Amino acid sequence: MERKVVHPYHVGSVEINYNSKSKTFEVTGRFFLDDMENGLSKKYGGSFHFNDEKYKAKLNESLQKYCQEYFKLKTDNKFLK
């Protein structure tokens, strides 16, 4: 009897552009909302819903903490804020 192992497959992308006029990085992330909601829920507990305005402050705070921990840019051997 053949046994199948199911592994979830999650896809996302991040695009980073440097704006020379403002001297800033512009970061665009594209993810499936349900994957982000589930991931944030596992990491920080509670419910997260992108399409519900009452979760906006909680989402922004959690996304900021998540990005500070997992998304880092480095230039001249120094991490950027």
Protein backbone atom coordinates (compact mmCIF):
# COMPACT_ATOMS: atom_id res chain seq x y z
CA MET A 1 0.00 0.00 0.00
CA GLU A 2 1.43 3.35 -1.07
CA ARG A 3 1.48 6.08 1.55
CA LYS A 4 1.13 9.72 0.53
CA VAL A 5 2.56 12.50 2.61
CA VAL A 6 0.82 15.82 2.10
CA HIS A 7 3.01 18.87 2.49
CA PRO A 8 1.48 22.34 2.36
CA TYR A 9 2.91 24.56 -0.34
CA HIS A 10 3.01 28.30 0.33
CA VAL A 11 4.01 30.90 -2.22
CA GLY A 12 4.84 34.55 -1.78
CA SER A 13 7.10 37.12 -3.33
CA VAL A 14 8.91 40.25 -2.22
CA GLU A 15 10.09 42.97 -4.60
CA ILE A 16 12.64 45.53 -3.43
CA ASN A 17 13.37 48.75 -5.32
CA TYR A 18 15.63 51.63 -4.38
CA ASN A 19 14.22 55.11 -4.93
CA SER A 20 17.23 57.35 -5.59
CA LYS A 21 15.19 60.57 -5.27
CA SER A 22 13.97 59.85 -1.74
CA LYS A 23 16.92 57.57 -0.94
CA THR A 24 14.56 54.91 0.38
CA PHE A 25 13.85 51.27 -0.33
CA GLU A 26 10.36 50.46 -1.53
CA VAL A 27 9.28 46.96 -0.53
CA THR A 28 6.26 45.19 -1.98
CA GLY A 29 5.17 41.79 -0.66
CA ARG A 30 2.61 39.55 -2.29
CA PHE A 31 1.19 36.68 -0.25
CA PHE A 32 -1.97 34.66 0.08
CA LEU A 33 -3.97 36.36 2.82
CA ASP A 34 -5.12 33.12 4.44
CA ASP A 35 -1.48 31.95 4.71
CA MET A 36 -0.50 35.25 6.36
CA GLU A 37 -3.49 35.15 8.72
CA ASN A 38 -2.71 31.56 9.74
CA GLY A 39 1.01 32.26 10.13
CA LEU A 40 0.45 35.34 12.28
CA SER A 41 -2.12 33.48 14.35
CA LYS A 42 0.35 30.65 15.05
CA LYS A 43 3.17 33.06 15.86
CA TYR A 44 1.30 35.64 17.94
CA GLY A 45 -1.95 33.91 18.94
CA GLY A 46 -5.49 35.09 18.36
CA SER A 47 -7.34 35.80 15.16
CA PHE A 48 -6.21 37.91 12.22
CA HIS A 49 -8.45 39.02 9.36
CA PHE A 50 -7.14 41.33 6.65
CA ASN A 51 -10.61 42.12 5.34
CA ASP A 52 -11.98 43.26 8.72
CA GLU A 53 -11.19 46.84 9.74
CA LYS A 54 -11.32 46.06 13.48
CA TYR A 55 -8.14 43.93 13.12
CA LYS A 56 -6.13 46.68 11.37
CA ALA A 57 -4.13 47.88 14.41
CA LYS A 58 -3.40 44.31 15.56
CA LEU A 59 -2.34 43.32 12.03
CA ASN A 60 -0.06 46.33 11.60
CA GLU A 61 1.64 45.72 14.94
CA SER A 62 2.11 41.99 14.26
CA LEU A 63 3.36 42.53 10.70
CA GLN A 64 5.86 45.11 11.94
CA LYS A 65 7.19 42.70 14.59
CA TYR A 66 7.29 39.85 12.07
CA CYS A 67 9.22 41.91 9.51
CA GLN A 68 11.69 43.16 12.12
CA GLU A 69 12.45 39.55 13.04
CA TYR A 70 12.51 37.91 9.60
CA PHE A 71 13.11 40.59 6.95
CA LYS A 72 16.45 42.37 7.06
CA LEU A 73 18.26 44.59 4.57
CA LYS A 74 21.98 45.13 4.85
CA THR A 75 24.25 47.65 3.15
CA ASP A 76 27.90 48.47 3.86
CA ASN A 77 27.87 45.63 6.42
CA LYS A 78 25.14 47.40 8.46
CA PHE A 79 21.53 46.37 8.87
CA LEU A 80 19.02 49.03 7.84
CA LYS A 81 16.03 50.00 9.96
